[in-house]
Amino acid sequence: MNERERSQLRALIEQLERVLRGDLTATPSLVSHCPEIALLSDLIMKLTRQLSDAQEFVSALSRGKLDAAPPQRNHLVAPFKQLQANLRHLTWQTQQIAAGDLNQRVDFLGEFSVAFNSLIDALREKAAVEAKVLYLSHHDPLTDLYNRGYFEEEMARAERGRRFPVSIMVADLDGLKKTNDTLGHAVGDRLIRAAAEVIRRSVRAEDVVARIGGDEFAVILPDTGMPATAGVLARLRENEAWFNRDSEEFQVHMSVGFASVEEGGSLREAMKLADERMYQDKFARKELNNRANGAGDGK
């Protein structure tokens, strides 16, 4: 090796040392009569260029630019391309979580996956608790029907809606006091649940059924005028009879009243009228029972 070749080799060593220090300034290949030195110079130049391209891509990735295009035919960035794909998928999963999908799981980022999945588990538990609290705030715990507060909110919504005519049904469970006094409150609770089920079976799934008092129930019936309430009452009486045929512990009997409003009418006034009609029905049924049995119904 002559002095010129030794000088060129020293220059290439210095260039490699600069690359190791992070100086990726491109240096033209050396022109050398020694094929090995010329090849080494070309390889160092290519390595420097590929490191520079990789550095730009990795730097963009570190700043969160997940749409940065990786350099072509650069094997140095292969692991970072996989990381980019993982982060893109993780970003999509995070967007799904923000939209309410808490079924996302991560299994491709090591320890981060454990932390991420623990976070999802905590969010799922929190959502379940919130859902339960919301459910209980709207429902009667004994019958699983809506409660009075939710019923009144739904009346206000129905009054502002477009599904007129709207009817209100008010039902009062007969004989609950007598059942509580003679058979105990546990049986009385079963009687209330049975009455709730009779009502639920008698109306549509879209109708709002609520327990609004100890032995009082109410139903909002959208798109239902007074003529159609006759069918609702008929189904209620059929379901009462169906239950009573099979029940040996107690019987379900309810006094019922209906009222209907067109658009612009007051559902509160309709409920008041339905309540009055329910008491009229109760009085008539009591009189009928008195004539038939010679005694009141015990309420």
Foldseek 3Di string as FASTA:
>chain_A
DDPVVVVLVVVLVVLVVCVVVVPLPADDQDDDPDVVSSVSSVVSNVVSVLVVQLVVVVVCVVVVVLVDDRDPPRPVCVVVVVVSVLVVVVVVVVVVVVVPDLPDADDPPPPVRVVVNVVSVVVVVVVVVVVVVVQVVQADVLQSAGEQVNVVVVLVVLLVDAQPWKKKKKKFWFQLVVCCVPVNVVVSSVLLNLLQVLLVVLADPPWHWYAYDDGMIMIIGGNDAPVNVVSSVVSSVVSQVVVQVPDPSDGTDMQMFMFIDGRPDRVVVRVVRRVVNSVVSQVVVQVVCCVVPVDGRND
